[in-house]
């Protein structure tokens, strides 16, 4: 049995292909079950997000696994195989597991270290388990990956380094140690940045949150608490005079906020260019320049942490290899396959002697169909066999199978990998 990864990601795939090659939530279950019926594929999990579509597979043979998984994707998404395989990435064995571990902690994400993908990975795993398309190998690999990612997030706190100007501003405010319950915050402008900062601000226990925008209705989705109020542009001076903290995220060609309009100890975050707040000498003002500098420092810290996490992945690969070593059934399965292929080779030799005039092409076609028969016959027994290695009577079950098939159990055990 072999681990195989087949994927399209934002790193290699243009958006025009990536948006076509996406499994919806409604399609997921059907796709999992259909993929399970493909030749060579024993287990499968599908991860499909806006940045990636990935198949995590256990296959009995790598070359057939690659072939049928590739054609499954091409058929499902109605993309010509030649066009699709230009962007497909294949990883095998340890490299497939390494990729899974990197994905779990966000090292393969557009935003390094983001944690959203961990929830998506967990959901993909649960969906595949419900569909009955996982087994002992993928169950172990994904449980290990999810545990690893949680431990890395707890240890390194990579997401404590914000990746947006808005979150950087909020965290700068957190570091001041303000008593939020006695402070009033004003948010000027409810464009993309303003809405994001509003969400972060609502997570803090401000006494009141005042939202001001030219179009007052844009504040409506945030008016879910009594402490939140909406204000029109004509109330700008009154709102500023009442605020202890001000976030300005409005684009303007000239200053609209002046020190004289603010409380003496007000803290102001000017989040746009051109600047909207006049830089008065006594004002505690954070502008786009110093916040961007802080953001760049956080990005550098994320990259440094990512490097440390990557080093820990090697240890996880060793753990998985040790776990596989304990699965006595794996070398047994390989020996069953080897014995079947020996029988096929012997039958082919006999056929060539009886029909010496067969062309090379005819010999290849017959051999291919013989191997296809073997694969179809062995697929279901192999699926059942690999589950025996974790049963209560696994040693007895493995010994019995070895005896039934006339296999050299001890030789298979010694050679297992």
Protein backbone atom coordinates (compact mmCIF):
# COMPACT_ATOMS: atom_id res chain seq x y z
CA UNK A 1 0.00 0.00 0.00
CA UNK A 2 1.25 3.46 -0.88
CA UNK A 3 0.36 7.00 0.14
CA UNK A 4 -0.33 9.17 -2.91
CA UNK A 5 -1.15 12.87 -3.14
CA UNK A 6 -2.71 14.36 -6.28
CA UNK A 7 -3.38 18.09 -6.20
CA UNK A 8 -4.07 21.43 -7.81
CA UNK A 9 -3.09 24.44 -5.69
CA UNK A 10 -2.83 28.21 -5.94
CA UNK A 11 0.95 27.87 -6.29
CA UNK A 12 0.96 26.07 -9.66
CA UNK A 13 -2.56 26.42 -11.04
CA UNK A 14 -4.06 29.47 -12.77
CA UNK A 15 -7.34 30.73 -11.32
CA UNK A 16 -9.21 29.84 -14.52
CA UNK A 17 -8.45 26.15 -13.90
CA UNK A 18 -8.67 26.25 -10.11
CA UNK A 19 -12.19 27.70 -10.11
CA UNK A 20 -13.37 24.91 -12.44
CA UNK A 21 -11.67 22.16 -10.45
CA UNK A 22 -13.60 22.67 -7.24
CA UNK A 23 -15.87 20.21 -5.41
CA UNK A 24 -18.90 21.84 -3.82
CA UNK A 25 -20.08 20.66 -0.41
CA UNK A 26 -23.05 19.01 -2.09
CA UNK A 27 -20.81 17.06 -4.50
CA UNK A 28 -18.27 15.92 -1.92
CA UNK A 29 -19.96 12.75 -0.73
CA UNK A 30 -20.74 11.52 -4.23
CA UNK A 31 -17.21 12.26 -5.43
CA UNK A 32 -15.62 10.36 -2.53
CA UNK A 33 -17.68 7.24 -3.21
CA UNK A 34 -17.08 7.40 -6.96
CA UNK A 35 -13.34 7.83 -6.47
CA UNK A 36 -13.28 4.83 -4.12
CA UNK A 37 -14.58 2.66 -6.95
CA UNK A 38 -11.67 3.54 -9.22
CA UNK A 39 -9.08 0.82 -9.82
CA UNK A 40 -6.12 0.78 -7.45
CA UNK A 41 -7.62 3.29 -4.98
CA UNK A 42 -8.14 1.75 -1.53
CA UNK A 43 -8.73 4.87 0.57
CA UNK A 44 -9.39 8.51 -0.27
CA UNK A 45 -10.02 11.94 1.24
CA UNK A 46 -10.83 15.03 -0.85
CA UNK A 47 -9.87 18.52 0.32
CA UNK A 48 -11.38 21.27 -1.83
CA UNK A 49 -11.11 24.97 -0.86
CA UNK A 50 -10.84 28.23 -2.78
CA UNK A 51 -7.06 27.74 -2.97
CA UNK A 52 -6.71 24.00 -3.57
CA UNK A 53 -8.29 20.76 -4.70
CA UNK A 54 -6.36 17.80 -3.33
CA UNK A 55 -6.77 14.03 -3.24
CA UNK A 56 -5.10 12.10 -0.42
CA UNK A 57 -5.05 8.46 -1.42
CA UNK A 58 -3.91 5.02 -0.40
CA UNK A 59 -3.30 2.95 -3.53
CA UNK A 60 -2.10 -0.57 -4.17
CA UNK A 61 0.11 0.55 -7.08
CA UNK A 62 1.48 4.05 -7.61
CA UNK A 63 1.40 4.16 -11.42
CA UNK A 64 -2.21 2.94 -11.67
CA UNK A 65 -3.19 5.19 -8.77
CA UNK A 66 -1.77 8.21 -10.58
CA UNK A 67 -3.48 7.24 -13.83
CA UNK A 68 -6.98 6.66 -12.46
CA UNK A 69 -6.98 9.62 -10.06
CA UNK A 70 -5.88 11.94 -12.87
CA UNK A 71 -8.64 10.68 -15.15
CA UNK A 72 -11.19 10.87 -12.33
CA UNK A 73 -10.49 14.60 -11.91
CA UNK A 74 -10.51 15.25 -15.65
CA UNK A 75 -13.83 13.43 -16.10
CA UNK A 76 -15.48 15.02 -13.08
CA UNK A 77 -14.56 18.59 -14.01
CA UNK A 78 -14.80 18.06 -17.78
CA UNK A 79 -11.26 19.32 -18.32
CA UNK A 80 -9.10 17.59 -20.96
CA UNK A 81 -6.47 15.37 -19.32
CA UNK A 82 -3.62 17.03 -21.22
CA UNK A 83 -4.71 20.45 -20.00
CA UNK A 84 -5.18 19.28 -16.41
CA UNK A 85 -1.94 17.32 -16.01
CA UNK A 86 0.08 20.41 -16.85
CA UNK A 87 -0.78 21.70 -13.36
CA UNK A 88 -1.32 18.49 -11.39
CA UNK A 89 1.20 17.77 -8.64
CA UNK A 90 1.88 14.17 -7.54
CA UNK A 91 3.62 13.30 -4.28
CA UNK A 92 4.31 9.81 -2.98
CA UNK A 93 5.03 8.22 0.39
CA UNK A 94 6.81 10.53 2.82
CA UNK A 95 6.45 13.51 0.50
CA UNK A 96 2.66 13.06 0.41
CA UNK A 97 2.58 13.00 4.21
CA UNK A 98 4.97 15.95 4.42
CA UNK A 99 2.62 17.97 2.21
CA UNK A 100 -0.37 17.04 4.38
CA UNK A 101 1.47 18.20 7.51
CA UNK A 102 2.49 21.47 5.83
CA UNK A 103 -1.09 22.08 4.70
CA UNK A 104 -2.43 21.40 8.21
CA UNK A 105 -0.37 24.18 9.80
CA UNK A 106 -0.88 26.64 6.94
CA UNK A 107 2.64 26.50 5.49
CA UNK A 108 1.16 25.93 2.01
CA UNK A 109 -1.43 28.71 2.36
CA UNK A 110 -1.32 32.15 0.76
CA UNK A 111 -1.12 33.58 4.28
CA UNK A 112 1.61 31.55 5.98
CA UNK A 113 0.41 29.96 9.20
CA UNK A 114 -3.31 30.77 8.82
CA UNK A 115 -5.54 28.44 10.80
CA UNK A 116 -8.69 28.32 8.64
CA UNK A 117 -7.32 25.44 6.57
CA UNK A 118 -7.05 23.31 9.72
CA UNK A 119 -10.83 23.41 10.14
CA UNK A 120 -11.29 22.65 6.44
CA UNK A 121 -8.92 19.69 6.71
CA UNK A 122 -10.77 18.34 9.74
CA UNK A 123 -14.11 18.64 7.94
CA UNK A 124 -12.74 16.86 4.85
CA UNK A 125 -11.55 14.02 7.09
CA UNK A 126 -14.90 13.69 8.88
CA UNK A 127 -16.80 13.74 5.58
CA UNK A 128 -14.62 10.94 4.18
CA UNK A 129 -15.07 8.89 7.35
CA UNK A 130 -18.85 9.29 7.07
CA UNK A 131 -18.62 8.21 3.42
CA UNK A 132 -16.62 5.12 4.40
CA UNK A 133 -13.67 5.99 2.14
CA UNK A 134 -10.94 6.05 4.79
CA UNK A 135 -9.15 3.15 6.44
CA UNK A 136 -6.34 2.58 8.92
CA UNK A 137 -3.68 4.42 6.89
CA UNK A 138 -5.48 7.71 6.14
CA UNK A 139 -7.15 7.65 9.55
CA UNK A 140 -3.72 7.56 11.17
CA UNK A 141 -2.19 10.12 8.80
CA UNK A 142 -4.97 12.68 9.27
CA UNK A 143 -5.29 12.21 13.03
CA UNK A 144 -1.54 12.73 13.29
CA UNK A 145 -1.69 15.83 11.04
CA UNK A 146 -4.56 17.42 13.01
CA UNK A 147 -2.83 16.75 16.34
CA UNK A 148 0.46 18.11 14.99
CA UNK A 149 -1.14 21.32 13.69
CA UNK A 150 -2.91 22.02 16.98
CA UNK A 151 0.33 21.49 18.89
CA UNK A 152 2.24 23.81 16.54
CA UNK A 153 -0.39 26.56 16.91
CA UNK A 154 -0.31 26.20 20.70
CA UNK A 155 3.50 26.19 20.80
CA UNK A 156 4.40 28.91 18.32
CA UNK A 157 1.27 31.12 18.30
CA UNK A 158 1.97 32.02 14.69
CA UNK A 159 -1.45 33.65 14.32
CA UNK A 160 -0.65 36.14 17.06
CA UNK A 161 1.28 37.94 14.30
CA UNK A 162 -1.45 39.74 12.33
CA UNK A 163 -1.46 39.79 8.55
CA UNK A 164 -3.64 42.84 7.90
CA UNK A 165 -3.35 46.54 8.67
CA UNK A 166 -6.66 46.42 10.53
CA UNK A 167 -5.67 43.59 12.85
CA UNK A 168 -2.23 45.14 13.37
CA UNK A 169 -3.94 48.33 14.55
CA UNK A 170 -6.25 46.47 16.92
CA UNK A 171 -3.38 44.48 18.41
CA UNK A 172 -1.40 47.69 18.85
CA UNK A 173 -4.35 48.92 20.88
CA UNK A 174 -4.39 45.67 22.88
CA UNK A 175 -0.76 46.21 23.88
CA UNK A 176 -1.59 49.59 25.44
CA UNK A 177 -3.45 47.82 28.22
CA UNK A 178 -6.55 50.01 27.99
CA UNK A 179 -9.58 49.37 30.16
CA UNK A 180 -11.93 48.80 27.22
CA UNK A 181 -15.04 48.86 29.41
CA UNK A 182 -14.52 52.60 30.08
CA UNK A 183 -13.61 53.57 26.49
CA UNK A 184 -15.70 54.64 23.52
CA UNK A 185 -14.48 53.83 20.00
CA UNK A 186 -15.40 55.56 16.75
CA UNK A 187 -14.96 53.93 13.36
CA UNK A 188 -15.01 56.38 10.45
CA UNK A 189 -15.69 54.77 7.07
CA UNK A 190 -17.22 51.34 6.46
CA UNK A 191 -15.40 50.22 3.34
CA UNK A 192 -13.53 46.91 3.26
CA UNK A 193 -10.92 47.95 5.85
CA UNK A 194 -13.47 49.73 8.04
CA UNK A 195 -15.78 46.71 8.16
CA UNK A 196 -12.90 44.41 9.05
CA UNK A 197 -11.74 46.69 11.87
CA UNK A 198 -15.35 46.95 13.10
CA UNK A 199 -15.51 43.16 13.44
CA UNK A 200 -12.30 43.17 15.47
CA UNK A 201 -13.47 46.11 17.60
CA UNK A 202 -16.74 44.36 18.43
CA UNK A 203 -14.71 41.50 19.88
CA UNK A 204 -13.37 43.93 22.53
CA UNK A 205 -15.56 45.05 25.47
CA UNK A 206 -15.75 48.74 24.52
CA UNK A 207 -18.34 50.75 26.42
CA UNK A 208 -19.75 51.94 23.10
CA UNK A 209 -18.98 51.53 19.40
CA UNK A 210 -19.90 54.42 17.11
CA UNK A 211 -20.02 53.69 13.38
CA UNK A 212 -19.93 56.66 11.02
CA UNK A 213 -20.31 56.48 7.26
CA UNK A 214 -21.63 58.57 4.39
CA UNK A 215 -24.18 55.81 3.72
CA UNK A 216 -25.57 55.07 7.19
CA UNK A 217 -27.26 51.83 6.04
CA UNK A 218 -23.83 50.15 5.70
CA UNK A 219 -23.71 50.05 9.52
CA UNK A 220 -26.93 48.02 9.71
CA UNK A 221 -25.31 44.51 9.82
CA UNK A 222 -23.32 45.53 12.92
CA UNK A 223 -26.24 46.94 14.94
CA UNK A 224 -26.75 43.74 16.92
CA UNK A 225 -25.92 45.17 20.37
CA UNK A 226 -27.21 48.15 22.33
CA UNK A 227 -23.69 49.57 22.63
CA UNK A 228 -23.38 49.93 18.82
CA UNK A 229 -24.76 53.04 17.12
CA UNK A 230 -24.84 54.34 13.52
CA UNK A 231 -24.14 57.94 12.53
CA UNK A 232 -24.26 60.02 9.36
CA UNK A 233 -21.49 62.25 8.01
CA UNK A 234 -23.06 65.36 9.56
CA UNK A 235 -22.36 63.93 13.03
CA UNK A 236 -18.59 63.63 12.49
CA UNK A 237 -17.59 66.35 14.97
CA UNK A 238 -19.93 65.13 17.71
CA UNK A 239 -18.73 61.52 17.34
CA UNK A 240 -15.05 62.53 17.40
CA UNK A 241 -15.54 64.70 20.50
CA UNK A 242 -17.04 61.72 22.35
CA UNK A 243 -14.49 59.08 21.29
CA UNK A 244 -11.49 57.81 23.26
CA UNK A 245 -10.24 55.72 20.32
CA UNK A 246 -10.71 56.58 16.64
CA UNK A 247 -10.16 54.36 13.60
CA UNK A 248 -10.30 56.31 10.35
CA UNK A 249 -10.66 54.15 7.24
CA UNK A 250 -12.12 56.70 4.89
CA UNK A 251 -10.49 57.81 1.63
CA UNK A 252 -10.38 61.59 1.30
CA UNK A 253 -8.34 64.13 -0.59
CA UNK A 254 -7.87 66.38 2.45
CA UNK A 255 -7.70 66.18 6.24
CA UNK A 256 -11.07 65.72 7.90
CA UNK A 257 -9.84 65.06 11.46
CA UNK A 258 -7.89 67.67 13.45
CA UNK A 259 -6.46 67.53 16.99
CA UNK A 260 -8.87 70.24 18.12
CA UNK A 261 -11.80 67.94 17.34
CA UNK A 262 -10.55 65.20 19.66
CA UNK A 263 -10.16 64.49 23.34
CA UNK A 264 -6.68 65.42 24.63
CA UNK A 265 -5.77 61.78 25.34
CA UNK A 266 -7.51 60.23 22.30
CA UNK A 267 -5.74 57.50 20.33
CA UNK A 268 -6.13 57.72 16.55
CA UNK A 269 -5.40 55.10 13.87
CA UNK A 270 -5.31 56.58 10.36
CA UNK A 271 -5.62 53.53 8.09
CA UNK A 272 -5.78 55.06 4.60
CA UNK A 273 -3.79 57.05 2.08
CA UNK A 274 -4.05 59.95 1.52
CA UNK A 275 -4.12 60.53 5.30
CA UNK A 276 -7.36 61.76 6.81
CA UNK A 277 -6.02 62.97 10.17
CA UNK A 278 -3.81 66.04 10.59
CA UNK A 279 -0.60 65.02 12.44
CA UNK A 280 -0.90 67.32 15.45
CA UNK A 281 2.12 67.44 17.73
CA UNK A 282 0.31 66.26 20.87
CA UNK A 283 -1.78 63.59 19.17
CA UNK A 284 -1.22 59.86 19.78
CA UNK A 285 -1.44 58.98 16.12
CA UNK A 286 -0.67 55.74 14.26
CA UNK A 287 -0.63 56.07 10.47
CA UNK A 288 -0.29 53.68 7.56
CA UNK A 289 3.51 54.01 7.50
CA UNK A 290 4.31 52.89 11.04
CA UNK A 291 1.57 50.25 10.98
CA UNK A 292 2.97 48.84 7.71
CA UNK A 293 6.44 48.69 9.27
CA UNK A 294 4.95 46.72 12.15
CA UNK A 295 3.14 44.46 9.71
CA UNK A 296 6.37 43.71 7.82
CA UNK A 297 7.99 42.73 11.11
CA UNK A 298 5.13 40.32 11.78
CA UNK A 299 5.49 38.81 8.31
CA UNK A 300 9.20 38.22 8.94
CA UNK A 301 8.36 36.58 12.28
CA UNK A 302 5.83 34.32 10.57
CA UNK A 303 8.43 33.18 8.05
CA UNK A 304 10.94 32.50 10.82
CA UNK A 305 8.35 30.46 12.78
CA UNK A 306 7.38 28.61 9.59
CA UNK A 307 11.00 27.51 9.24
CA UNK A 308 11.05 26.15 12.77
CA UNK A 309 7.77 24.28 12.24
CA UNK A 310 9.09 22.77 8.99
CA UNK A 311 11.98 21.22 10.94
CA UNK A 312 9.51 19.49 13.26
CA UNK A 313 7.77 17.82 10.33
CA UNK A 314 10.67 15.38 9.89
CA UNK A 315 9.97 14.02 13.37
CA UNK A 316 6.34 13.43 12.39
CA UNK A 317 7.46 11.45 9.33
CA UNK A 318 9.54 9.20 11.60
CA UNK A 319 6.54 8.68 13.90
CA UNK A 320 4.37 7.64 10.95
CA UNK A 321 7.07 5.30 9.63
CA UNK A 322 7.32 3.69 13.08
CA UNK A 323 3.56 3.23 13.13
CA UNK A 324 3.60 1.58 9.70
CA UNK A 325 6.39 -0.75 10.82
CA UNK A 326 4.00 -2.13 13.43
CA UNK A 327 1.39 -3.00 10.80
CA UNK A 328 2.29 -6.60 10.14
CA UNK A 329 -0.35 -6.81 7.42
CA UNK A 330 1.48 -4.46 5.00
CA UNK A 331 4.35 -6.80 4.07
CA UNK A 332 1.79 -9.61 3.93
CA UNK A 333 -0.30 -7.68 1.39
CA UNK A 334 2.81 -7.02 -0.67
CA UNK A 335 3.64 -10.71 -0.64
CA UNK A 336 0.12 -11.62 -1.80
CA UNK A 337 0.48 -9.16 -4.68
CA UNK A 338 3.95 -10.46 -5.57
CA UNK A 339 2.64 -14.03 -5.61
CA UNK A 340 -0.26 -13.03 -7.90
CA UNK A 341 2.11 -11.25 -10.28
CA UNK A 342 4.42 -14.28 -10.34
CA UNK A 343 1.42 -16.40 -11.35
CA UNK A 344 0.56 -13.90 -14.06
CA UNK A 345 4.13 -13.89 -15.38
CA UNK A 346 4.18 -17.70 -15.43
CA UNK A 347 0.85 -17.82 -17.29
CA UNK A 348 2.16 -15.29 -19.80
CA UNK A 349 5.26 -17.39 -20.47
CA UNK A 350 3.08 -20.45 -21.02
CA UNK A 351 0.83 -18.48 -23.39
CA UNK A 352 3.82 -17.29 -25.42
CA UNK A 353 5.06 -20.86 -25.81
CA UNK A 354 1.65 -22.06 -27.02
CA UNK A 355 1.15 -19.08 -29.32
CA UNK A 356 4.62 -18.13 -30.54
CA UNK A 357 3.25 -15.92 -33.33
CA UNK A 358 1.77 -13.30 -31.01
CA UNK A 359 3.02 -9.83 -31.86
CA UNK A 360 4.69 -7.66 -29.22
CA UNK A 361 1.62 -5.42 -29.15
CA UNK A 362 -0.68 -8.40 -28.63
CA UNK A 363 1.53 -9.70 -25.81
CA UNK A 364 1.39 -6.28 -24.08
CA UNK A 365 -2.40 -6.10 -24.42
CA UNK A 366 -2.89 -9.59 -22.99
CA UNK A 367 -0.45 -8.89 -20.13
CA UNK A 368 -2.23 -5.61 -19.35
CA UNK A 369 -5.62 -7.32 -19.18
CA UNK A 370 -4.22 -10.12 -17.00
CA UNK A 371 -2.87 -7.55 -14.52
CA UNK A 372 -6.20 -5.72 -14.60
CA UNK A 373 -7.98 -8.95 -13.61
CA UNK A 374 -5.51 -9.45 -10.74
CA UNK A 375 -6.05 -5.89 -9.51
CA UNK A 376 -9.84 -6.25 -9.59
CA UNK A 377 -9.74 -9.62 -7.80
CA UNK A 378 -7.33 -8.44 -5.11
CA UNK A 379 -8.77 -4.99 -4.39
CA UNK A 380 -11.56 -5.98 -2.01
CA UNK A 381 -9.52 -8.66 -0.15
CA UNK A 382 -6.71 -6.11 0.34
CA UNK A 383 -9.20 -3.57 1.72
CA UNK A 384 -10.37 -6.15 4.25
CA UNK A 385 -6.89 -7.44 5.02
CA UNK A 386 -5.43 -4.07 5.99
CA UNK A 387 -8.17 -3.55 8.55
CA UNK A 388 -7.25 -6.83 10.26
CA UNK A 389 -3.94 -5.41 11.49
CA UNK A 390 -5.71 -3.23 14.07
CA UNK A 391 -8.21 -5.82 15.31
CA UNK A 392 -8.18 -7.38 18.76
CA UNK A 393 -6.87 -10.67 17.32
CA UNK A 394 -4.61 -9.16 14.65
CA UNK A 395 -1.66 -11.52 15.21
CA UNK A 396 -3.91 -14.57 14.84
CA UNK A 397 -5.70 -13.10 11.79
CA UNK A 398 -2.43 -12.25 10.03
CA UNK A 399 -0.99 -15.70 10.70
CA UNK A 400 -4.17 -17.34 9.40
CA UNK A 401 -4.10 -15.32 6.17
CA UNK A 402 -0.43 -16.16 5.66
CA UNK A 403 -1.23 -19.86 6.09
CA UNK A 404 -4.23 -19.75 3.71
CA UNK A 405 -2.17 -18.08 0.97
CA UNK A 406 0.88 -20.23 1.64
CA UNK A 407 3.06 -17.19 2.39
CA UNK A 408 6.35 -16.90 4.25
CA UNK A 409 5.02 -14.88 7.19
CA UNK A 410 8.38 -14.39 8.91
CA UNK A 411 10.16 -13.31 5.71
CA UNK A 412 7.37 -10.81 4.98
CA UNK A 413 7.63 -9.48 8.53
CA UNK A 414 11.35 -8.97 8.31
CA UNK A 415 11.15 -7.22 4.96
CA UNK A 416 8.19 -4.98 5.84
CA UNK A 417 8.54 -1.26 5.32
